[in-house]
Amino acid sequence: MELKWPDIFLVATCALGTITLFKALISFVKWVWIMFLRPPKNLKTYGSWAIITGSTDGIGKALSLELASKGLNILLVGRNPQKLETTMKEIRDKYGDQVEAKLAVMDFENVNGEEIVKKMEEAMEGLDNVGILINNAGMGEPYPRFFHENDPQIIDAVVKVNLEGPTWMTKAVISKMIKNKKGAIVNIGSASASVVPSFPLHTTYSATKAYVAMLSKCMNLEYEKQGIDIQCQVPLYVATKMTKMKPSLLVPSAEVYSKASSACIGYERECVPNLVHSLQRLFVREVLPHAFCDWFIMRDFLALRKQTLPKDSNAL
């Protein structure tokens, strides 16, 4: 029987619809597996020591305690010696002789790449079995501002902490992992670079986080055959000092986020570990039009900018 063009079109449309539906079903089953059923990796197989930057507050501190609970020794990296001591004491009080904890004072705003590498080599002396590096330290512009309104010092600090910090920390640590033929590096990204189509008035912050995402993807391909898993984890809003938010249904605490974060280490090159965040990402990327997202974010940040501008400001 000879098929006519309307019949061919109908068959092709049905086939395309079936393929699209099948792909969506596979994606859903995969998502359910990752979020609810997939077992976390035994992180101690990477090595006995984990290094965590920005480990005195928020996600970094919560991850330090979470990984210590799994029997990993923790090297805390941060700029505030007193807060580092507090976190170290908390780990030792909670886990006693089960784990070791050390600290390294590092202010990414005031050191260059060569100094970061040198300081970390000194801090890692005697720690041959470094298995995990979590580049968590980050900062953003304190208020929504047009790019030209930001102080040069703010722009420089955001670039140093968010971009140069993880780059040179990775440079300092990865040689040990190559030698051991195993390791995991987690770079904490941001929804501002990986979920929403744009993030105006926080331009430097979102741009540096886009760099972090690409750094992770490229390096994962470079080093996966060396036994090193490199990953960018993408949080949305988490209740931390940086976001100035309290825990809620849509905003997990740092402790809740850290449990999901640790369970994802060693898997996808880029992931959204938290369940609620994953649903929010799906809604923003697959349901909301990009033009609407751009308009809404711009409107929201313009209103916040107006509230935080100095009264004597002559800004636009």
C-alpha atoms as a PDB file:
ATOM      1  CA  MET A   1       0.000   0.000   0.000  1.00  0.00           C
ATOM      2  CA  GLU A   2       1.420   3.327  -1.033  1.00  0.00           C
ATOM      3  CA  LEU A   3       1.546   5.940   1.707  1.00  0.00           C
ATOM      4  CA  LYS A   4       0.507   9.460   0.854  1.00  0.00           C
ATOM      5  CA  TRP A   5       2.174  12.565   2.214  1.00  0.00           C
ATOM      6  CA  PRO A   6      -0.468  13.196   4.930  1.00  0.00           C
ATOM      7  CA  ASP A   7       0.020   9.621   6.147  1.00  0.00           C
ATOM      8  CA  ILE A   8       3.812   9.947   6.108  1.00  0.00           C
ATOM      9  CA  PHE A   9       3.548  13.199   8.060  1.00  0.00           C
ATOM     10  CA  LEU A  10       1.242  11.552  10.618  1.00  0.00           C
ATOM     11  CA  VAL A  11       3.556   8.562  11.054  1.00  0.00           C
ATOM     12  CA  ALA A  12       6.609  10.828  11.406  1.00  0.00           C
ATOM     13  CA  THR A  13       4.823  13.015  13.962  1.00  0.00           C
ATOM     14  CA  CYS A  14       3.752   9.997  16.020  1.00  0.00           C
ATOM     15  CA  ALA A  15       7.304   8.595  15.905  1.00  0.00           C
ATOM     16  CA  LEU A  16       8.793  11.916  17.002  1.00  0.00           C
ATOM     17  CA  GLY A  17       6.261  12.214  19.817  1.00  0.00           C
ATOM     18  CA  THR A  18       7.019   8.676  20.983  1.00  0.00           C
ATOM     19  CA  ILE A  19      10.771   9.357  21.009  1.00  0.00           C
ATOM     20  CA  THR A  20      10.272  12.623  22.915  1.00  0.00           C
ATOM     21  CA  LEU A  21       8.016  10.911  25.472  1.00  0.00           C
ATOM     22  CA  PHE A  22      10.491   8.049  25.856  1.00  0.00           C
ATOM     23  CA  LYS A  23      13.378  10.462  26.447  1.00  0.00           C
ATOM     24  CA  ALA A  24      11.330  12.326  29.058  1.00  0.00           C
ATOM     25  CA  LEU A  25      10.485   9.036  30.782  1.00  0.00           C
ATOM     26  CA  ILE A  26      14.153   8.006  30.849  1.00  0.00           C
ATOM     27  CA  SER A  27      15.113  11.403  32.283  1.00  0.00           C
ATOM     28  CA  PHE A  28      12.444  11.078  34.987  1.00  0.00           C
ATOM     29  CA  VAL A  29      13.520   7.561  35.959  1.00  0.00           C
ATOM     30  CA  LYS A  30      17.150   8.734  36.092  1.00  0.00           C
ATOM     31  CA  TRP A  31      16.178  11.691  38.287  1.00  0.00           C
ATOM     32  CA  VAL A  32      14.262   9.422  40.703  1.00  0.00           C
ATOM     33  CA  TRP A  33      17.281   7.089  40.875  1.00  0.00           C
ATOM     34  CA  ILE A  34      19.692   9.930  41.625  1.00  0.00           C
ATOM     35  CA  MET A  35      17.514  11.702  44.177  1.00  0.00           C
ATOM     36  CA  PHE A  36      16.059   8.752  46.081  1.00  0.00           C
ATOM     37  CA  LEU A  37      17.774   5.456  45.311  1.00  0.00           C
ATOM     38  CA  ARG A  38      21.407   5.896  44.272  1.00  0.00           C
ATOM     39  CA  PRO A  39      23.821   4.979  47.074  1.00  0.00           C
ATOM     40  CA  PRO A  40      26.524   7.541  47.906  1.00  0.00           C
ATOM     41  CA  LYS A  41      30.122   6.593  47.250  1.00  0.00           C
ATOM     42  CA  ASN A  42      32.409   5.559  50.058  1.00  0.00           C
ATOM     43  CA  LEU A  43      34.395   8.779  50.168  1.00  0.00           C
ATOM     44  CA  LYS A  44      37.233   7.215  52.155  1.00  0.00           C
ATOM     45  CA  THR A  45      38.234   5.264  49.041  1.00  0.00           C
ATOM     46  CA  TYR A  46      39.490   8.562  47.577  1.00  0.00           C
ATOM     47  CA  GLY A  47      41.813   9.123  50.516  1.00  0.00           C
ATOM     48  CA  SER A  48      41.784   9.815  54.229  1.00  0.00           C
ATOM     49  CA  TRP A  49      41.984  13.644  54.079  1.00  0.00           C
ATOM     50  CA  ALA A  50      39.497  16.199  52.763  1.00  0.00           C
ATOM     51  CA  ILE A  51      40.385  19.863  52.221  1.00  0.00           C
ATOM     52  CA  ILE A  52      37.540  22.371  52.432  1.00  0.00           C
ATOM     53  CA  THR A  53      37.845  26.090  51.731  1.00  0.00           C
ATOM     54  CA  GLY A  54      35.476  28.609  53.298  1.00  0.00           C
ATOM     55  CA  SER A  55      34.982  26.146  56.122  1.00  0.00           C
ATOM     56  CA  THR A  56      34.099  28.547  58.942  1.00  0.00           C
ATOM     57  CA  ASP A  57      30.490  29.313  58.000  1.00  0.00           C
ATOM     58  CA  GLY A  58      27.531  28.090  55.977  1.00  0.00           C
ATOM     59  CA  ILE A  59      27.933  25.283  53.474  1.00  0.00           C
ATOM     60  CA  GLY A  60      31.683  24.952  54.056  1.00  0.00           C
ATOM     61  CA  LYS A  61      31.362  24.418  57.800  1.00  0.00           C
ATOM     62  CA  ALA A  62      28.412  22.057  57.367  1.00  0.00           C
ATOM     63  CA  LEU A  63      30.358  20.018  54.808  1.00  0.00           C
ATOM     64  CA  SER A  64      33.368  19.865  57.127  1.00  0.00           C
ATOM     65  CA  LEU A  65      31.235  18.317  59.861  1.00  0.00           C
ATOM     66  CA  GLU A  66      29.412  16.059  57.389  1.00  0.00           C
ATOM     67  CA  LEU A  67      32.620  14.615  55.926  1.00  0.00           C
ATOM     68  CA  ALA A  68      34.119  14.235  59.393  1.00  0.00           C
ATOM     69  CA  SER A  69      31.046  12.165  60.328  1.00  0.00           C
ATOM     70  CA  LYS A  70      32.038   9.781  57.526  1.00  0.00           C
ATOM     71  CA  GLY A  71      35.465   9.246  59.049  1.00  0.00           C
ATOM     72  CA  LEU A  72      37.466  11.665  56.908  1.00  0.00           C
ATOM     73  CA  ASN A  73      40.222  13.806  58.360  1.00  0.00           C
ATOM     74  CA  ILE A  74      39.610  17.477  57.632  1.00  0.00           C
ATOM     75  CA  LEU A  75      41.989  20.259  56.631  1.00  0.00           C
ATOM     76  CA  LEU A  76      40.060  23.495  57.160  1.00  0.00           C
ATOM     77  CA  VAL A  77      40.996  26.473  54.984  1.00  0.00           C
ATOM     78  CA  GLY A  78      39.714  29.968  55.740  1.00  0.00           C
ATOM     79  CA  ARG A  79      40.758  33.534  56.400  1.00  0.00           C
ATOM     80  CA  ASN A  80      39.639  33.879  60.036  1.00  0.00           C
ATOM     81  CA  PRO A  81      41.943  32.034  62.490  1.00  0.00           C
ATOM     82  CA  GLN A  82      39.487  32.275  65.384  1.00  0.00           C
ATOM     83  CA  LYS A  83      36.592  30.807  63.372  1.00  0.00           C
ATOM     84  CA  LEU A  84      38.849  28.075  62.014  1.00  0.00           C
ATOM     85  CA  GLU A  85      39.841  27.178  65.568  1.00  0.00           C
ATOM     86  CA  THR A  86      36.160  27.057  66.557  1.00  0.00           C
ATOM     87  CA  THR A  87      35.256  24.724  63.695  1.00  0.00           C
ATOM     88  CA  MET A  88      38.289  22.522  64.376  1.00  0.00           C
ATOM     89  CA  LYS A  89      37.368  22.278  68.058  1.00  0.00           C
ATOM     90  CA  GLU A  90      33.783  21.404  67.140  1.00  0.00           C
ATOM     91  CA  ILE A  91      34.990  18.540  64.940  1.00  0.00           C
ATOM     92  CA  ARG A  92      37.364  17.251  67.627  1.00  0.00           C
ATOM     93  CA  ASP A  93      34.738  17.514  70.382  1.00  0.00           C
ATOM     94  CA  LYS A  94      32.149  15.710  68.279  1.00  0.00           C
ATOM     95  CA  TYR A  95      34.284  12.933  66.805  1.00  0.00           C
ATOM     96  CA  GLY A  96      37.148  12.668  69.262  1.00  0.00           C
ATOM     97  CA  ASP A  97      39.900  10.308  68.168  1.00  0.00           C
ATOM     98  CA  GLN A  98      37.947   9.085  65.137  1.00  0.00           C
ATOM     99  CA  VAL A  99      39.230  11.854  62.890  1.00  0.00           C
ATOM    100  CA  GLU A 100      41.998  14.448  62.750  1.00  0.00           C
ATOM    101  CA  ALA A 101      41.458  18.132  62.030  1.00  0.00           C
ATOM    102  CA  LYS A 102      43.997  20.732  60.949  1.00  0.00           C
ATOM    103  CA  LEU A 103      43.699  24.298  59.746  1.00  0.00           C
ATOM    104  CA  ALA A 104      45.355  26.577  57.209  1.00  0.00           C
ATOM    105  CA  VAL A 105      44.809  30.327  57.273  1.00  0.00           C
ATOM    106  CA  MET A 106      44.305  31.657  53.761  1.00  0.00           C
ATOM    107  CA  ASP A 107      42.764  34.937  52.601  1.00  0.00           C
ATOM    108  CA  PHE A 108      42.219  34.605  48.866  1.00  0.00           C
ATOM    109  CA  GLU A 109      41.661  38.362  48.568  1.00  0.00           C
ATOM    110  CA  ASN A 110      45.236  39.081  49.587  1.00  0.00           C
ATOM    111  CA  VAL A 111      47.340  36.325  48.050  1.00  0.00           C
ATOM    112  CA  ASN A 112      48.350  35.526  44.500  1.00  0.00           C
ATOM    113  CA  GLY A 113      48.316  32.133  42.830  1.00  0.00           C
ATOM    114  CA  GLU A 114      51.931  31.295  43.611  1.00  0.00           C
ATOM    115  CA  GLU A 115      51.377  32.093  47.290  1.00  0.00           C
ATOM    116  CA  ILE A 116      48.264  29.891  47.420  1.00  0.00           C
ATOM    117  CA  VAL A 117      50.182  26.935  46.018  1.00  0.00           C
ATOM    118  CA  LYS A 118      53.093  27.481  48.410  1.00  0.00           C
ATOM    119  CA  LYS A 119      50.849  27.829  51.478  1.00  0.00           C
ATOM    120  CA  MET A 120      48.898  24.699  50.569  1.00  0.00           C
ATOM    121  CA  GLU A 121      52.051  22.678  49.963  1.00  0.00           C
ATOM    122  CA  GLU A 122      53.166  23.641  53.473  1.00  0.00           C
ATOM    123  CA  ALA A 123      49.746  22.807  54.937  1.00  0.00           C
ATOM    124  CA  MET A 124      49.683  19.410  53.175  1.00  0.00           C
ATOM    125  CA  GLU A 125      53.173  18.413  54.250  1.00  0.00           C
ATOM    126  CA  GLY A 126      52.919  14.871  55.572  1.00  0.00           C
ATOM    127  CA  LEU A 127      49.377  14.424  54.221  1.00  0.00           C
ATOM    128  CA  ASP A 128      50.084  12.094  51.320  1.00  0.00           C
ATOM    129  CA  ASN A 129      46.579  10.663  51.228  1.00  0.00           C
ATOM    130  CA  VAL A 130      44.604  13.788  50.295  1.00  0.00           C
ATOM    131  CA  GLY A 131      41.493  12.421  48.593  1.00  0.00           C
ATOM    132  CA  ILE A 132      38.948  15.244  48.403  1.00  0.00           C
ATOM    133  CA  LEU A 133      39.137  18.978  47.726  1.00  0.00           C
ATOM    134  CA  ILE A 134      36.014  21.097  48.084  1.00  0.00           C
ATOM    135  CA  ASN A 135      36.387  24.611  46.690  1.00  0.00           C
ATOM    136  CA  ASN A 136      33.588  26.259  48.596  1.00  0.00           C
ATOM    137  CA  ALA A 137      34.933  29.716  49.498  1.00  0.00           C
ATOM    138  CA  GLY A 138      33.007  32.395  47.667  1.00  0.00           C
ATOM    139  CA  MET A 139      31.794  35.955  47.821  1.00  0.00           C
ATOM    140  CA  GLY A 140      29.481  38.222  45.883  1.00  0.00           C
ATOM    141  CA  GLU A 141      28.752  41.888  45.505  1.00  0.00           C
ATOM    142  CA  PRO A 142      27.151  43.034  48.780  1.00  0.00           C
ATOM    143  CA  TYR A 143      24.238  44.749  46.980  1.00  0.00           C
ATOM    144  CA  PRO A 144      22.701  44.681  43.498  1.00  0.00           C
ATOM    145  CA  ARG A 145      24.515  47.298  41.431  1.00  0.00           C
ATOM    146  CA  PHE A 146      25.072  48.141  37.778  1.00  0.00           C
ATOM    147  CA  PHE A 147      28.548  47.010  36.832  1.00  0.00           C
ATOM    148  CA  HIS A 148      29.976  50.547  36.674  1.00  0.00           C
ATOM    149  CA  GLU A 149      28.682  51.304  40.193  1.00  0.00           C
ATOM    150  CA  ASN A 150      30.776  48.627  41.910  1.00  0.00           C
ATOM    151  CA  ASP A 151      33.965  49.671  43.647  1.00  0.00           C
ATOM    152  CA  PRO A 152      37.072  48.297  41.914  1.00  0.00           C
ATOM    153  CA  GLN A 153      38.049  46.676  45.212  1.00  0.00           C
ATOM    154  CA  ILE A 154      34.787  44.690  45.261  1.00  0.00           C
ATOM    155  CA  ILE A 155      35.221  43.470  41.688  1.00  0.00           C
ATOM    156  CA  ASP A 156      38.826  42.493  42.366  1.00  0.00           C
ATOM    157  CA  ALA A 157      37.886  40.627  45.563  1.00  0.00           C
ATOM    158  CA  VAL A 158      35.073  38.649  43.880  1.00  0.00           C
ATOM    159  CA  VAL A 159      37.394  37.621  41.043  1.00  0.00           C
ATOM    160  CA  LYS A 160      40.180  36.611  43.429  1.00  0.00           C
ATOM    161  CA  VAL A 161      37.965  34.559  45.756  1.00  0.00           C
ATOM    162  CA  ASN A 162      35.588  32.952  43.248  1.00  0.00           C
ATOM    163  CA  LEU A 163      37.851  32.491  40.243  1.00  0.00           C
ATOM    164  CA  GLU A 164      41.492  32.549  41.259  1.00  0.00           C
ATOM    165  CA  GLY A 165      40.898  30.750  44.567  1.00  0.00           C
ATOM    166  CA  PRO A 166      39.533  27.456  43.183  1.00  0.00           C
ATOM    167  CA  THR A 167      41.917  27.571  40.218  1.00  0.00           C
ATOM    168  CA  TRP A 168      45.059  27.728  42.325  1.00  0.00           C
ATOM    169  CA  MET A 169      43.736  25.456  45.084  1.00  0.00           C
ATOM    170  CA  THR A 170      43.143  22.822  42.426  1.00  0.00           C
ATOM    171  CA  LYS A 171      46.616  23.439  41.026  1.00  0.00           C
ATOM    172  CA  ALA A 172      48.093  22.915  44.504  1.00  0.00           C
ATOM    173  CA  VAL A 173      46.251  19.680  45.264  1.00  0.00           C
ATOM    174  CA  ILE A 174      45.840  17.820  41.996  1.00  0.00           C
ATOM    175  CA  SER A 175      49.451  16.654  41.740  1.00  0.00           C
ATOM    176  CA  LYS A 176      48.977  14.544  44.878  1.00  0.00           C
ATOM    177  CA  MET A 177      45.826  13.037  43.384  1.00  0.00           C
ATOM    178  CA  ILE A 178      47.583  12.219  40.116  1.00  0.00           C
ATOM    179  CA  LYS A 179      50.336  10.502  42.096  1.00  0.00           C
ATOM    180  CA  ASN A 180      47.752   8.439  44.013  1.00  0.00           C
ATOM    181  CA  LYS A 181      45.640   7.856  40.847  1.00  0.00           C
ATOM    182  CA  LYS A 182      42.478   8.811  42.711  1.00  0.00           C
ATOM    183  CA  GLY A 183      40.697  11.852  44.080  1.00  0.00           C
ATOM    184  CA  ALA A 184      37.584  13.990  43.973  1.00  0.00           C
ATOM    185  CA  ILE A 185      37.362  17.743  43.484  1.00  0.00           C
ATOM    186  CA  VAL A 186      34.087  19.566  44.094  1.00  0.00           C
ATOM    187  CA  ASN A 187      33.685  23.169  42.991  1.00  0.00           C
ATOM    188  CA  ILE A 188      30.658  24.909  44.466  1.00  0.00           C
ATOM    189  CA  GLY A 189      28.972  26.801  41.636  1.00  0.00           C
ATOM    190  CA  SER A 190      25.788  28.823  41.607  1.00  0.00           C
ATOM    191  CA  ALA A 191      22.317  28.868  40.095  1.00  0.00           C
ATOM    192  CA  SER A 192      23.166  32.389  38.931  1.00  0.00           C
ATOM    193  CA  ALA A 193      25.396  30.825  36.282  1.00  0.00           C
ATOM    194  CA  SER A 194      23.846  27.410  35.684  1.00  0.00           C
ATOM    195  CA  VAL A 195      20.070  27.714  36.183  1.00  0.00           C
ATOM    196  CA  VAL A 196      18.702  31.175  35.381  1.00  0.00           C
ATOM    197  CA  PRO A 197      19.348  32.650  31.910  1.00  0.00           C
ATOM    198  CA  SER A 198      20.995  35.756  33.393  1.00  0.00           C
ATOM    199  CA  PHE A 199      21.766  37.359  36.737  1.00  0.00           C
ATOM    200  CA  PRO A 200      21.936  41.132  36.211  1.00  0.00           C
ATOM    201  CA  LEU A 201      23.256  43.521  38.865  1.00  0.00           C
ATOM    202  CA  HIS A 202      25.394  40.715  40.286  1.00  0.00           C
ATOM    203  CA  THR A 203      27.385  40.408  37.089  1.00  0.00           C
ATOM    204  CA  THR A 204      30.866  39.704  38.425  1.00  0.00           C
ATOM    205  CA  TYR A 205      29.614  37.060  40.846  1.00  0.00           C
ATOM    206  CA  SER A 206      27.606  35.130  38.247  1.00  0.00           C
ATOM    207  CA  ALA A 207      30.379  35.421  35.650  1.00  0.00           C
ATOM    208  CA  THR A 208      32.974  33.958  38.010  1.00  0.00           C
ATOM    209  CA  LYS A 209      30.614  31.096  38.849  1.00  0.00           C
ATOM    210  CA  ALA A 210      30.191  30.382  35.129  1.00  0.00           C
ATOM    211  CA  TYR A 211      33.974  30.053  34.995  1.00  0.00           C
ATOM    212  CA  VAL A 212      33.844  27.565  37.878  1.00  0.00           C
ATOM    213  CA  ALA A 213      31.280  25.437  36.011  1.00  0.00           C
ATOM    214  CA  MET A 214      33.381  25.304  32.833  1.00  0.00           C
ATOM    215  CA  LEU A 215      36.594  24.693  34.774  1.00  0.00           C
ATOM    216  CA  SER A 216      34.964  21.648  36.361  1.00  0.00           C
ATOM    217  CA  LYS A 217      33.633  20.204  33.102  1.00  0.00           C
ATOM    218  CA  CYS A 218      36.900  20.583  31.226  1.00  0.00           C
ATOM    219  CA  MET A 219      39.086  19.252  34.014  1.00  0.00           C
ATOM    220  CA  ASN A 220      36.794  16.282  34.549  1.00  0.00           C
ATOM    221  CA  LEU A 221      37.482  15.198  30.984  1.00  0.00           C
ATOM    222  CA  GLU A 222      41.192  15.843  31.387  1.00  0.00           C
ATOM    223  CA  TYR A 223      41.617  13.769  34.532  1.00  0.00           C
ATOM    224  CA  GLU A 224      38.886  11.108  34.609  1.00  0.00           C
ATOM    225  CA  LYS A 225      41.327   8.507  33.247  1.00  0.00           C
ATOM    226  CA  GLN A 226      43.631   9.367  36.157  1.00  0.00           C
ATOM    227  CA  GLY A 227      40.929   8.259  38.600  1.00  0.00           C
ATOM    228  CA  ILE A 228      40.035  11.851  39.567  1.00  0.00           C
ATOM    229  CA  ASP A 229      36.374  12.898  39.619  1.00  0.00           C
ATOM    230  CA  ILE A 230      35.903  16.647  39.183  1.00  0.00           C
ATOM    231  CA  GLN A 231      32.461  18.110  39.655  1.00  0.00           C
ATOM    232  CA  CYS A 232      30.568  21.390  39.885  1.00  0.00           C
ATOM    233  CA  GLN A 233      27.744  21.334  42.406  1.00  0.00           C
ATOM    234  CA  VAL A 234      25.030  23.948  41.872  1.00  0.00           C
ATOM    235  CA  PRO A 235      23.132  25.196  44.911  1.00  0.00           C
ATOM    236  CA  LEU A 236      20.201  27.566  44.685  1.00  0.00           C
ATOM    237  CA  TYR A 237      19.362  29.582  47.797  1.00  0.00           C
ATOM    238  CA  VAL A 238      20.689  28.042  51.029  1.00  0.00           C
ATOM    239  CA  ALA A 239      20.173  29.565  54.472  1.00  0.00           C
ATOM    240  CA  THR A 240      23.639  31.002  55.125  1.00  0.00           C
ATOM    241  CA  LYS A 241      25.202  34.253  56.267  1.00  0.00           C
ATOM    242  CA  MET A 242      25.886  35.122  52.627  1.00  0.00           C
ATOM    243  CA  THR A 243      22.236  34.836  51.509  1.00  0.00           C
ATOM    244  CA  LYS A 244      20.866  36.285  54.780  1.00  0.00           C
ATOM    245  CA  MET A 245      17.974  33.806  54.563  1.00  0.00           C
ATOM    246  CA  LYS A 246      16.365  31.534  57.125  1.00  0.00           C
ATOM    247  CA  PRO A 247      15.587  27.861  56.443  1.00  0.00           C
ATOM    248  CA  SER A 248      12.203  27.246  54.804  1.00  0.00           C
ATOM    249  CA  LEU A 249      10.465  24.822  52.476  1.00  0.00           C
ATOM    250  CA  LEU A 250      12.301  26.262  49.467  1.00  0.00           C
ATOM    251  CA  VAL A 251      15.525  27.258  51.245  1.00  0.00           C
ATOM    252  CA  PRO A 252      17.351  24.356  52.950  1.00  0.00           C
ATOM    253  CA  SER A 253      19.707  24.851  55.839  1.00  0.00           C
ATOM    254  CA  ALA A 254      23.425  24.414  55.257  1.00  0.00           C
ATOM    255  CA  GLU A 255      23.274  21.134  57.191  1.00  0.00           C
ATOM    256  CA  VAL A 256      20.483  19.720  55.003  1.00  0.00           C
ATOM    257  CA  TYR A 257      22.287  20.844  51.864  1.00  0.00           C
ATOM    258  CA  SER A 258      25.597  19.312  52.971  1.00  0.00           C
ATOM    259  CA  LYS A 259      24.066  15.840  53.324  1.00  0.00           C
ATOM    260  CA  ALA A 260      22.785  15.958  49.745  1.00  0.00           C
ATOM    261  CA  SER A 261      26.085  17.450  48.590  1.00  0.00           C
ATOM    262  CA  SER A 262      28.227  14.682  50.077  1.00  0.00           C
ATOM    263  CA  ALA A 263      25.968  12.009  48.549  1.00  0.00           C
ATOM    264  CA  CYS A 264      26.659  13.381  45.046  1.00  0.00           C
ATOM    265  CA  ILE A 265      30.449  13.554  45.248  1.00  0.00           C
ATOM    266  CA  GLY A 266      32.098  11.548  42.497  1.00  0.00           C
ATOM    267  CA  TYR A 267      29.149  11.320  40.143  1.00  0.00           C
ATOM    268  CA  GLU A 268      27.984  13.824  37.455  1.00  0.00           C
ATOM    269  CA  ARG A 269      30.238  16.598  36.138  1.00  0.00           C
ATOM    270  CA  GLU A 270      27.555  19.131  37.083  1.00  0.00           C
ATOM    271  CA  CYS A 271      24.705  18.455  39.469  1.00  0.00           C
ATOM    272  CA  VAL A 272      22.057  20.050  41.675  1.00  0.00           C
ATOM    273  CA  PRO A 273      22.298  17.878  44.815  1.00  0.00           C
ATOM    274  CA  ASN A 274      19.336  19.084  46.864  1.00  0.00           C
ATOM    275  CA  LEU A 275      15.856  17.718  46.020  1.00  0.00           C
ATOM    276  CA  VAL A 276      14.005  21.029  46.396  1.00  0.00           C
ATOM    277  CA  HIS A 277      16.681  22.833  44.391  1.00  0.00           C
ATOM    278  CA  SER A 278      16.416  20.223  41.655  1.00  0.00           C
ATOM    279  CA  LEU A 279      12.666  20.808  41.366  1.00  0.00           C
ATOM    280  CA  GLN A 280      13.194  24.567  41.295  1.00  0.00           C
ATOM    281  CA  ARG A 281      15.795  24.172  38.550  1.00  0.00           C
ATOM    282  CA  LEU A 282      13.380  22.085  36.486  1.00  0.00           C
ATOM    283  CA  PHE A 283      10.643  24.716  36.856  1.00  0.00           C
ATOM    284  CA  VAL A 284      12.917  27.631  35.964  1.00  0.00           C
ATOM    285  CA  ARG A 285      14.627  25.979  33.001  1.00  0.00           C
ATOM    286  CA  GLU A 286      11.783  23.964  31.489  1.00  0.00           C
ATOM    287  CA  VAL A 287       8.610  25.855  32.403  1.00  0.00           C
ATOM    288  CA  LEU A 288       9.318  29.567  32.741  1.00  0.00           C
ATOM    289  CA  PRO A 289      10.146  31.510  29.549  1.00  0.00           C
ATOM    290  CA  HIS A 290      13.647  32.974  29.612  1.00  0.00           C
ATOM    291  CA  ALA A 291      12.314  36.434  28.836  1.00  0.00           C
ATOM    292  CA  PHE A 292      10.091  36.268  31.909  1.00  0.00           C
ATOM    293  CA  CYS A 293      13.021  35.161  34.097  1.00  0.00           C
ATOM    294  CA  ASP A 294      15.141  38.048  32.816  1.00  0.00           C
ATOM    295  CA  TRP A 295      12.350  40.552  33.469  1.00  0.00           C
ATOM    296  CA  PHE A 296      11.546  39.212  36.934  1.00  0.00           C
ATOM    297  CA  ILE A 297      15.147  39.063  38.169  1.00  0.00           C
ATOM    298  CA  MET A 298      15.937  42.516  36.783  1.00  0.00           C
ATOM    299  CA  ARG A 299      12.808  43.997  38.366  1.00  0.00           C
ATOM    300  CA  ASP A 300      13.529  42.352  41.730  1.00  0.00           C
ATOM    301  CA  PHE A 301      17.171  43.423  41.847  1.00  0.00           C
ATOM    302  CA  LEU A 302      16.390  46.959  40.686  1.00  0.00           C
ATOM    303  CA  ALA A 303      13.974  47.308  43.602  1.00  0.00           C
ATOM    304  CA  LEU A 304      16.576  45.978  46.045  1.00  0.00           C
ATOM    305  CA  ARG A 305      19.224  48.220  44.530  1.00  0.00           C
ATOM    306  CA  LYS A 306      17.013  51.252  45.107  1.00  0.00           C
ATOM    307  CA  GLN A 307      16.585  50.298  48.766  1.00  0.00           C
ATOM    308  CA  THR A 308      20.326  49.919  49.341  1.00  0.00           C
ATOM    309  CA  LEU A 309      21.654  52.932  47.470  1.00  0.00           C
ATOM    310  CA  PRO A 310      23.155  55.658  49.645  1.00  0.00           C
ATOM    311  CA  LYS A 311      20.750  58.575  50.086  1.00  0.00           C
ATOM    312  CA  ASP A 312      23.237  61.022  48.583  1.00  0.00           C
ATOM    313  CA  SER A 313      23.838  58.830  45.550  1.00  0.00           C
ATOM    314  CA  ASN A 314      23.597  60.347  42.068  1.00  0.00           C
ATOM    315  CA  ALA A 315      23.393  56.947  40.391  1.00  0.00           C
ATOM    316  CA  LEU A 316      21.009  56.298  37.517  1.00  0.00           C
END
